[in-house]
Amino acid sequence: MNTEAQTVVVGAGIVGICTALYLQEKGRQVTLIDRLPPGEGTSSGNAGIISVGSVHPEAMPGIWKEIPHMLFQRHAPISLRPAYAPRLLPWFARFLSSSSALKADQSSASISALSSRALDYLQPLVTKAGAQALLRQEGTLYINETPSQFAAAKLNCSYYQRRGVDYQLVEGPELAKLEPSLRPGLAGAVLVPAGAHTLSPLALSRSLFELFLKQGGEFLAAEVTGFKFQGQRVSALHTDHPIPCREVFITAGAYSKTLAKQLGSTVPLDTERGYSLDLPNPGIELKRPLLFAGRAFAATSMLDGLRLAGTVEFAGLKAAPNYQRAHNLAQQAAYLFPRLNTDDGKPWMGFRPSLPDTVPVISASPHFNNVFFGFGHGHLGLTQAAVTGAMLSALAVGEDGPLAICPFRVDRTW
C-alpha cells in the first residue's frame, strides 16, 4: 500500500464505493478500508430497490398506534429482543418525536431530495463500469392486501403529491395484469413508475469496485480502531498499523457510530437488522420489485432467483442472527404467490444503519477540518449511495454539491 498520506474512505459498502468513485472524479488518490470484502456486508443482501420515489420517513404520524400490532402479530414484521430494550429506548424516544406531522414532513422533504436524484448519480457510474445489464427501470409496486391498508396508502399519497412524485393507483383486479403471479383478491397497490432495481446488489457493488481499482484506487482489508490527531486534523488511522491520511470519510454503515464518537460527534444511530431469503428455483418471475407494507418485506426477481427481503429486528450488532425470521418470509410469500416454490431458501442477515428521523448524515465534521461523514441511510442505502458520494466529494473540494447540506448535518438537533 502507498504509505503517503491520501484520501481514505472507511467502509466499502455501496455508499463507500460510490463515495470513493466520486472522490476519484475530483482527482483524489483514494484508499478504501473495510474488514469485509467490498460490497459483501449489508450492501449484498438487500432487496435491490433503487427507490427514487421514496418520500415517507419510517416515523410517520400515528406510527405509535401501529407498533403494538406490528410487534405482536404471528409473523411480526418488527421484533425487539428484550435484553436490547434498555439500549434502544433513547433511539425509540427520538423516533416517536420524529413522527409529529411537522417533523415527518421535514424528513420527507430531505429523503425525497436525496432519493429523487438517485439515478442521476448512480447511472453514470454504472455506465462507466459497463454494468448497465444489472439495472432495470420497471417501477416499484407497493401492494396493499386489505381495503383498510389501501385506504391508508391512498391518504399517504399526499406525500407523493407534495414532493412531485409521479404515482398511479392500481385497483385490485388490475394487479393481475401487472404481476400475474400474485394471488387474486388483493385490494390494490400504488405504482411508482420511475422506480428501478438491480438484478444483483453484490454484482453491482463488485462492478463499481472494479472500476475504482482500474482508476488507481487501493483497497485495504482491515478494521479501523481509532485515529491519530494533529490539531484540528486527523493525521492517521489506527488499524494493525497506522495509515497516514490526507482526509477521511466515514461510510461504515452501522459501525459508523463508534468511529464518529471518537471523532467528537455523538449520533443516535442504531441498527435495524434486516433479513432476506434467496429462493433459487421460485417457479415465478416478477417484472418489478413488490413491497408488502403490512408485512414489511419486498420480493424482487434477481439473477439467481427470487429474493424476499425485509422485516425489522432490534438486537444490536453482536447478537446472533435469528434466521427463522428469514424463513418466515417464505411462509408469507407462499400465501401471496400461490405458485411459489420455497424449497432450498438461503437466509441472510444484515445491519441497516438507522437514524430516528430516517435522514442520513452527509456532513463535514464540526471538529476536524479533514473529516467527513456519510452514514445512516437505513432502508435506502442503495438508493441514496451515489448522490451521497457526489455530495461528500463536493464538500471535500469546497464546491457546491447536488443538495444543500443543512438537513443532513451530523450536528443537527436530534
Protein backbone atom coordinates (compact mmCIF):
# COMPACT_ATOMS: atom_id res chain seq x y z
CA MET A 1 0.00 0.00 0.00
CA ASN A 2 1.06 3.57 -0.68
CA THR A 3 2.48 4.95 2.58
CA GLU A 4 1.95 8.59 1.63
CA ALA A 5 -0.97 10.48 3.17
CA GLN A 6 -4.00 10.17 0.93
CA THR A 7 -7.78 10.17 0.96
CA VAL A 8 -9.19 7.27 2.98
CA VAL A 9 -12.78 6.02 2.84
CA VAL A 10 -13.69 3.80 5.79
CA GLY A 11 -16.36 1.31 4.77
CA ALA A 12 -16.57 -0.45 1.40
CA GLY A 13 -20.29 -0.98 1.10
CA ILE A 14 -22.22 0.66 -1.72
CA VAL A 15 -22.07 4.11 -0.05
CA GLY A 16 -18.32 3.88 0.46
CA ILE A 17 -17.66 2.62 -3.07
CA CYS A 18 -19.73 5.39 -4.65
CA THR A 19 -18.03 7.97 -2.44
CA ALA A 20 -14.62 6.68 -3.48
CA LEU A 21 -15.57 6.88 -7.17
CA TYR A 22 -16.80 10.45 -6.91
CA LEU A 23 -13.66 11.43 -5.00
CA GLN A 24 -11.61 9.98 -7.83
CA GLU A 25 -13.50 12.27 -10.20
CA LYS A 26 -12.22 15.17 -8.07
CA GLY A 27 -8.66 13.97 -8.60
CA ARG A 28 -8.17 12.29 -5.24
CA GLN A 29 -5.96 9.22 -4.75
CA VAL A 30 -8.27 7.03 -2.68
CA THR A 31 -7.83 4.05 -0.38
CA LEU A 32 -10.91 2.07 0.68
CA ILE A 33 -10.68 0.27 4.04
CA ASP A 34 -13.03 -2.44 5.29
CA ARG A 35 -12.69 -5.61 7.31
CA LEU A 36 -15.02 -7.35 4.80
CA PRO A 37 -14.55 -7.66 1.03
CA PRO A 38 -16.12 -4.72 -0.86
CA GLY A 39 -19.89 -4.94 -1.16
CA GLU A 40 -20.20 -8.07 0.97
CA GLY A 41 -21.69 -6.55 4.11
CA THR A 42 -25.17 -5.06 4.36
CA SER A 43 -24.96 -3.94 0.72
CA SER A 44 -25.12 -7.53 -0.53
CA GLY A 45 -28.40 -8.89 0.84
CA ASN A 46 -30.90 -6.08 0.29
CA ALA A 47 -33.96 -6.10 -1.95
CA GLY A 48 -32.07 -4.37 -4.77
CA ILE A 49 -34.54 -1.49 -4.99
CA ILE A 50 -33.47 1.95 -6.19
CA SER A 51 -36.42 3.81 -4.72
CA VAL A 52 -36.33 7.16 -6.50
CA GLY A 53 -39.86 7.87 -5.28
CA SER A 54 -39.11 7.42 -1.56
CA VAL A 55 -40.80 10.21 0.37
CA HIS A 56 -42.10 8.52 3.54
CA PRO A 57 -39.99 8.52 6.71
CA GLU A 58 -40.15 5.45 8.91
CA ALA A 59 -41.53 7.64 11.69
CA MET A 60 -44.85 8.53 10.10
CA PRO A 61 -47.57 10.37 12.04
CA GLY A 62 -49.62 7.89 14.06
CA ILE A 63 -46.95 5.15 13.93
CA TRP A 64 -47.18 4.77 17.71
CA LYS A 65 -50.65 3.26 17.30
CA GLU A 66 -49.41 0.62 14.87
CA ILE A 67 -46.29 -0.57 16.67
CA PRO A 68 -48.00 -2.85 19.23
CA HIS A 69 -49.87 -4.65 16.46
CA MET A 70 -46.71 -4.98 14.35
CA LEU A 71 -44.77 -6.37 17.33
CA PHE A 72 -47.24 -8.99 18.44
CA GLN A 73 -48.86 -10.46 15.34
CA ARG A 74 -47.97 -14.06 14.39
CA HIS A 75 -45.27 -13.21 11.81
CA ALA A 76 -44.36 -9.91 13.42
CA PRO A 77 -42.68 -7.50 10.97
CA ILE A 78 -40.93 -5.87 13.96
CA SER A 79 -39.06 -7.75 16.66
CA LEU A 80 -37.33 -6.42 19.76
CA ARG A 81 -35.13 -8.72 21.82
CA PRO A 82 -35.94 -7.96 25.47
CA ALA A 83 -32.29 -7.72 26.53
CA TYR A 84 -31.77 -4.93 23.99
CA ALA A 85 -34.79 -2.84 25.04
CA PRO A 86 -32.95 -0.59 27.55
CA ARG A 87 -30.32 0.35 24.95
CA LEU A 88 -32.98 1.08 22.33
CA LEU A 89 -35.11 3.39 24.50
CA PRO A 90 -33.26 6.68 23.74
CA TRP A 91 -33.38 5.95 19.99
CA PHE A 92 -37.03 4.97 20.19
CA ALA A 93 -37.95 8.16 22.07
CA ARG A 94 -36.35 10.22 19.30
CA PHE A 95 -38.13 8.06 16.71
CA LEU A 96 -41.51 8.85 18.24
CA SER A 97 -40.59 12.53 18.46
CA SER A 98 -39.77 12.43 14.73
CA SER A 99 -43.28 11.18 13.95
CA SER A 100 -45.01 14.52 14.53
CA ALA A 101 -46.70 15.88 11.41
CA LEU A 102 -44.24 18.79 11.15
CA LYS A 103 -41.11 16.70 11.70
CA ALA A 104 -42.27 13.92 9.39
CA ASP A 105 -42.90 16.43 6.62
CA GLN A 106 -39.43 17.92 7.07
CA SER A 107 -37.89 14.44 6.98
CA SER A 108 -39.94 13.61 3.88
CA ALA A 109 -38.55 16.65 2.07
CA SER A 110 -34.96 15.62 2.85
CA ILE A 111 -35.49 11.96 1.95
CA SER A 112 -37.17 12.87 -1.31
CA ALA A 113 -34.46 15.37 -2.25
CA LEU A 114 -31.87 12.60 -2.00
CA SER A 115 -33.83 9.72 -3.46
CA SER A 116 -35.16 11.66 -6.45
CA ARG A 117 -31.56 12.23 -7.61
CA ALA A 118 -30.54 8.59 -7.16
CA LEU A 119 -30.26 7.56 -10.81
CA ASP A 120 -28.81 10.94 -11.85
CA TYR A 121 -25.66 9.98 -9.96
CA LEU A 122 -25.76 6.17 -9.97
CA GLN A 123 -26.39 5.70 -13.69
CA PRO A 124 -23.16 7.44 -14.84
CA LEU A 125 -21.10 5.21 -12.54
CA VAL A 126 -22.90 2.08 -13.74
CA THR A 127 -22.38 3.08 -17.37
CA LYS A 128 -18.70 3.79 -16.81
CA ALA A 129 -18.34 0.39 -15.13
CA GLY A 130 -20.09 -1.35 -18.03
CA ALA A 131 -22.71 -2.76 -15.68
CA GLN A 132 -25.87 -1.49 -17.40
CA ALA A 133 -27.24 -5.04 -17.69
CA LEU A 134 -27.59 -5.15 -13.89
CA LEU A 135 -30.14 -2.31 -13.80
CA ARG A 136 -33.84 -2.32 -14.68
CA GLN A 137 -36.33 0.54 -14.53
CA GLU A 138 -39.77 -1.05 -14.46
CA GLY A 139 -41.20 0.83 -11.48
CA THR A 140 -41.90 -0.23 -7.92
CA LEU A 141 -45.23 -1.62 -6.75
CA TYR A 142 -46.48 -1.16 -3.18
CA ILE A 143 -49.07 -3.86 -2.51
CA ASN A 144 -51.99 -3.47 -0.10
CA GLU A 145 -53.82 -6.65 0.82
CA THR A 146 -56.88 -5.22 2.58
CA PRO A 147 -59.24 -2.32 1.84
CA SER A 148 -58.14 -0.57 5.05
CA GLN A 149 -54.46 -0.82 4.06
CA PHE A 150 -55.26 0.52 0.59
CA ALA A 151 -57.28 3.39 2.05
CA ALA A 152 -54.35 4.38 4.29
CA ALA A 153 -51.97 4.13 1.34
CA LYS A 154 -54.16 6.48 -0.68
CA LEU A 155 -54.06 9.03 2.15
CA ASN A 156 -50.27 8.76 2.35
CA CYS A 157 -50.04 9.54 -1.36
CA SER A 158 -50.37 13.16 -0.25
CA TYR A 159 -46.63 12.93 0.42
CA TYR A 160 -46.04 11.99 -3.23
CA GLN A 161 -48.14 14.95 -4.31
CA ARG A 162 -46.17 17.37 -2.13
CA ARG A 163 -42.84 16.12 -3.48
CA GLY A 164 -43.93 15.95 -7.11
CA VAL A 165 -43.53 12.17 -7.40
CA ASP A 166 -45.42 10.50 -10.23
CA TYR A 167 -47.56 7.62 -8.97
CA GLN A 168 -50.53 5.55 -10.11
CA LEU A 169 -53.24 3.80 -8.11
CA VAL A 170 -53.81 0.21 -9.19
CA GLU A 171 -57.12 -1.33 -8.20
CA GLY A 172 -57.17 -4.98 -7.17
CA PRO A 173 -58.44 -6.53 -10.43
CA GLU A 174 -55.74 -4.68 -12.39
CA LEU A 175 -52.90 -6.18 -10.33
CA ALA A 176 -53.07 -9.48 -12.20
CA LYS A 177 -52.21 -7.68 -15.43
CA LEU A 178 -49.08 -6.14 -13.90
CA GLU A 179 -47.92 -9.17 -11.88
CA PRO A 180 -49.75 -12.39 -12.81
CA SER A 181 -48.00 -14.39 -10.06
CA LEU A 182 -49.87 -12.55 -7.30
CA ARG A 183 -52.84 -14.19 -5.64
CA PRO A 184 -56.22 -12.75 -6.64
CA GLY A 185 -58.34 -10.74 -4.27
CA LEU A 186 -55.75 -8.21 -3.06
CA ALA A 187 -57.16 -4.74 -2.50
CA GLY A 188 -54.83 -2.68 -4.68
CA ALA A 189 -51.43 -1.06 -5.00
CA VAL A 190 -49.52 2.15 -5.61
CA LEU A 191 -47.16 2.07 -8.59
CA VAL A 192 -44.19 4.45 -8.74
CA PRO A 193 -43.20 4.14 -12.43
CA ALA A 194 -39.75 5.74 -12.06
CA GLY A 195 -38.55 3.13 -9.56
CA ALA A 196 -35.61 0.95 -10.56
CA HIS A 197 -33.83 -2.13 -9.25
CA THR A 198 -30.68 -4.14 -9.69
CA LEU A 199 -30.62 -7.82 -10.58
CA SER A 200 -27.82 -8.33 -8.05
CA PRO A 201 -26.73 -5.81 -5.40
CA LEU A 202 -23.48 -7.73 -4.86
CA ALA A 203 -22.63 -7.90 -8.56
CA LEU A 204 -23.36 -4.18 -8.88
CA SER A 205 -21.06 -3.33 -5.95
CA ARG A 206 -18.32 -5.55 -7.36
CA SER A 207 -18.59 -3.93 -10.80
CA LEU A 208 -18.26 -0.47 -9.29
CA PHE A 209 -15.36 -1.62 -7.13
CA GLU A 210 -13.55 -2.96 -10.19
CA LEU A 211 -13.97 0.47 -11.79
CA PHE A 212 -12.48 2.01 -8.63
CA LEU A 213 -9.41 -0.27 -8.91
CA LYS A 214 -8.99 0.41 -12.63
CA GLN A 215 -8.92 4.12 -11.86
CA GLY A 216 -5.99 3.67 -9.49
CA GLY A 217 -7.81 3.09 -6.22
CA GLU A 218 -6.46 0.81 -3.48
CA PHE A 219 -8.24 -1.48 -1.05
CA LEU A 220 -7.04 -2.47 2.40
CA ALA A 221 -8.70 -5.31 4.33
CA ALA A 222 -8.51 -4.01 7.89
CA GLU A 223 -10.58 -2.74 10.79
CA VAL A 224 -10.18 0.90 11.79
CA THR A 225 -10.00 1.12 15.59
CA GLY A 226 -9.10 4.76 16.14
CA PHE A 227 -7.40 7.91 14.93
CA LYS A 228 -4.27 9.99 15.45
CA PHE A 229 -4.91 13.71 15.79
CA GLN A 230 -2.78 16.70 14.94
CA GLY A 231 -4.54 19.87 15.98
CA GLN A 232 -7.88 20.04 14.16
CA ARG A 233 -6.90 17.34 11.72
CA VAL A 234 -6.78 13.56 11.65
CA SER A 235 -3.28 12.62 10.56
CA ALA A 236 -3.60 8.83 10.62
CA LEU A 237 -5.98 5.94 11.18
CA HIS A 238 -5.20 3.07 13.51
CA THR A 239 -5.56 -0.46 12.14
CA ASP A 240 -2.93 -3.12 12.84
CA HIS A 241 -0.57 -0.34 11.74
CA PRO A 242 -1.00 3.44 11.28
CA ILE A 243 -2.44 4.63 7.94
CA PRO A 244 -1.47 8.24 7.14
CA CYS A 245 -4.36 10.22 5.68
CA ARG A 246 -4.94 13.48 3.90
CA GLU A 247 -8.65 13.30 4.69
CA VAL A 248 -11.02 10.63 5.96
CA PHE A 249 -14.60 9.71 5.08
CA ILE A 250 -16.64 7.59 7.50
CA THR A 251 -19.08 5.50 5.44
CA ALA A 252 -19.09 2.40 7.64
CA GLY A 253 -22.85 1.94 7.96
CA ALA A 254 -23.97 0.67 11.35
CA TYR A 255 -20.36 0.67 12.54
CA SER A 256 -20.04 4.42 11.98
CA LYS A 257 -21.46 5.36 15.38
CA THR A 258 -18.37 4.35 17.35
CA LEU A 259 -15.99 5.97 14.87
CA ALA A 260 -17.99 9.20 14.80
CA LYS A 261 -17.94 9.34 18.61
CA GLN A 262 -14.15 9.04 18.60
CA LEU A 263 -14.20 12.00 16.24
CA GLY A 264 -16.26 14.10 18.67
CA SER A 265 -19.70 13.59 17.09
CA THR A 266 -22.34 11.68 19.04
CA VAL A 267 -25.09 10.41 16.76
CA PRO A 268 -28.27 8.45 17.72
CA LEU A 269 -27.51 5.67 15.24
CA ASP A 270 -28.89 2.20 15.81
CA THR A 271 -29.31 -0.85 13.63
CA GLU A 272 -32.42 -2.38 12.19
CA ARG A 273 -31.37 -5.93 11.49
CA GLY A 274 -32.85 -6.94 8.16
CA TYR A 275 -33.26 -10.48 6.87
CA SER A 276 -33.56 -11.89 3.39
CA LEU A 277 -34.15 -15.29 1.84
CA ASP A 278 -32.95 -16.24 -1.64
CA LEU A 279 -35.11 -18.82 -3.41
CA PRO A 280 -33.05 -20.37 -6.24
CA ASN A 281 -35.96 -22.05 -8.09
CA PRO A 282 -39.03 -19.96 -7.27
CA GLY A 283 -41.12 -21.02 -10.26
CA ILE A 284 -42.25 -17.42 -10.79
CA GLU A 285 -40.64 -14.24 -12.12
CA LEU A 286 -41.62 -10.71 -11.22
CA LYS A 287 -41.30 -7.80 -13.61
CA ARG A 288 -40.52 -5.31 -10.85
CA PRO A 289 -39.98 -5.24 -7.06
CA LEU A 290 -43.11 -5.68 -4.97
CA LEU A 291 -43.33 -4.28 -1.44
CA PHE A 292 -45.93 -5.52 1.02
CA ALA A 293 -46.46 -2.71 3.51
CA GLY A 294 -48.45 -4.70 6.03
CA ARG A 295 -45.82 -7.43 6.17
CA ALA A 296 -42.71 -5.19 5.90
CA PHE A 297 -40.94 -7.15 3.20
CA ALA A 298 -40.21 -6.97 -0.51
CA ALA A 299 -39.93 -9.53 -3.30
CA THR A 300 -37.51 -8.98 -6.17
CA SER A 301 -36.55 -11.28 -9.04
CA MET A 302 -32.78 -11.40 -9.38
CA LEU A 303 -30.14 -13.19 -11.42
CA ASP A 304 -30.14 -16.21 -9.13
CA GLY A 305 -33.84 -16.49 -8.31
CA LEU A 306 -36.29 -14.60 -6.12
CA ARG A 307 -35.18 -12.59 -3.10
CA LEU A 308 -37.53 -11.96 -0.19
CA ALA A 309 -36.09 -9.15 1.94
CA GLY A 310 -37.28 -7.18 4.90
CA THR A 311 -38.52 -7.31 8.48
CA VAL A 312 -37.08 -5.23 11.30
CA GLU A 313 -35.29 -6.66 14.32
CA PHE A 314 -33.76 -4.58 17.09
CA ALA A 315 -30.99 -6.55 18.77
CA GLY A 316 -27.80 -4.57 18.12
CA LEU A 317 -24.62 -5.60 16.35
CA LYS A 318 -23.50 -8.52 18.49
CA ALA A 319 -26.49 -10.83 18.99
CA ALA A 320 -26.58 -13.98 16.86
CA PRO A 321 -28.95 -13.94 13.86
CA ASN A 322 -32.42 -15.42 14.19
CA TYR A 323 -32.71 -16.95 10.74
CA GLN A 324 -36.23 -18.12 11.46
CA ARG A 325 -37.23 -14.55 10.61
CA ALA A 326 -35.89 -15.10 7.09
CA HIS A 327 -37.68 -18.44 6.73
CA ASN A 328 -40.90 -16.81 7.95
CA LEU A 329 -40.74 -14.64 4.83
CA ALA A 330 -41.11 -17.77 2.70
CA GLN A 331 -44.27 -18.75 4.55
CA GLN A 332 -45.79 -15.33 3.97
CA ALA A 333 -44.70 -15.20 0.33
CA ALA A 334 -46.25 -18.62 -0.31
CA TYR A 335 -49.62 -17.10 0.61
CA LEU A 336 -49.10 -14.10 -1.67
CA PHE A 337 -47.74 -16.13 -4.62
CA PRO A 338 -49.71 -19.40 -4.91
CA ARG A 339 -47.28 -20.94 -7.43
CA LEU A 340 -44.15 -20.09 -5.45
CA ASN A 341 -41.61 -22.84 -4.79
CA THR A 342 -39.96 -22.09 -1.43
CA ASP A 343 -37.52 -25.03 -1.38
CA ASP A 344 -33.80 -24.57 -0.65
CA GLY A 345 -34.07 -20.99 0.60
CA LYS A 346 -30.77 -19.42 1.66
CA PRO A 347 -31.12 -16.99 4.62
CA TRP A 348 -29.09 -13.83 5.23
CA MET A 349 -28.99 -11.07 7.83
CA GLY A 350 -27.54 -7.56 7.65
CA PHE A 351 -27.41 -4.33 9.64
CA ARG A 352 -29.35 -1.33 8.39
CA PRO A 353 -27.79 1.83 9.89
CA SER A 354 -30.87 3.73 11.03
CA LEU A 355 -31.42 7.20 12.42
CA PRO A 356 -34.66 8.17 14.19
CA ASP A 357 -35.75 10.68 11.54
CA THR A 358 -34.78 8.46 8.53
CA VAL A 359 -32.50 11.24 7.27
CA PRO A 360 -28.86 10.17 6.81
CA VAL A 361 -25.79 12.05 7.95
CA ILE A 362 -23.94 13.61 4.99
CA SER A 363 -21.68 16.16 6.55
CA ALA A 364 -18.31 17.65 7.27
CA SER A 365 -17.11 17.19 10.82
CA PRO A 366 -17.67 20.23 13.06
CA HIS A 367 -14.49 19.33 14.96
CA PHE A 368 -11.91 18.26 12.36
CA ASN A 369 -11.37 20.00 9.07
CA ASN A 370 -10.43 16.88 7.10
CA VAL A 371 -13.18 14.52 8.31
CA PHE A 372 -16.47 13.80 6.54
CA PHE A 373 -19.42 11.55 7.37
CA GLY A 374 -21.81 9.60 5.15
CA PHE A 375 -23.93 7.05 7.01
CA GLY A 376 -27.36 6.29 8.48
CA HIS A 377 -29.23 5.56 5.24
CA GLY A 378 -31.47 2.95 6.86
CA HIS A 379 -33.51 1.12 4.21
CA LEU A 380 -32.28 3.40 1.41
CA GLY A 381 -28.53 2.81 1.22
CA LEU A 382 -28.53 1.55 -2.36
CA THR A 383 -30.92 4.31 -3.42
CA GLN A 384 -29.01 7.18 -1.86
CA ALA A 385 -25.42 5.92 -2.17
CA ALA A 386 -24.33 7.67 -5.35
CA VAL A 387 -25.85 11.07 -4.59
CA THR A 388 -24.26 10.83 -1.12
CA GLY A 389 -20.89 10.20 -2.73
CA ALA A 390 -21.35 13.20 -5.03
CA MET A 391 -22.27 15.42 -2.08
CA LEU A 392 -19.30 14.29 0.02
CA SER A 393 -16.81 14.75 -2.82
CA ALA A 394 -18.13 18.26 -3.41
CA LEU A 395 -17.72 19.04 0.29
CA ALA A 396 -14.13 17.81 0.17
CA VAL A 397 -13.12 20.23 -2.57
CA GLY A 398 -15.25 23.16 -1.43
CA GLU A 399 -17.71 23.06 -4.31
CA ASP A 400 -21.49 23.30 -4.31
CA GLY A 401 -22.96 19.81 -4.29
CA PRO A 402 -26.20 18.37 -5.64
CA LEU A 403 -28.12 19.41 -2.49
CA ALA A 404 -27.84 21.77 0.44
CA ILE A 405 -26.10 20.05 3.35
CA CYS A 406 -28.01 21.61 6.24
CA PRO A 407 -30.72 18.91 6.73
CA PHE A 408 -28.05 16.19 6.75
CA ARG A 409 -25.55 17.70 9.17
CA VAL A 410 -24.03 15.47 11.85
CA ASP A 411 -24.60 18.15 14.49
CA ARG A 412 -28.25 18.84 13.69
CA THR A 413 -30.83 18.79 16.50
CA TRP A 414 -31.90 15.24 17.19
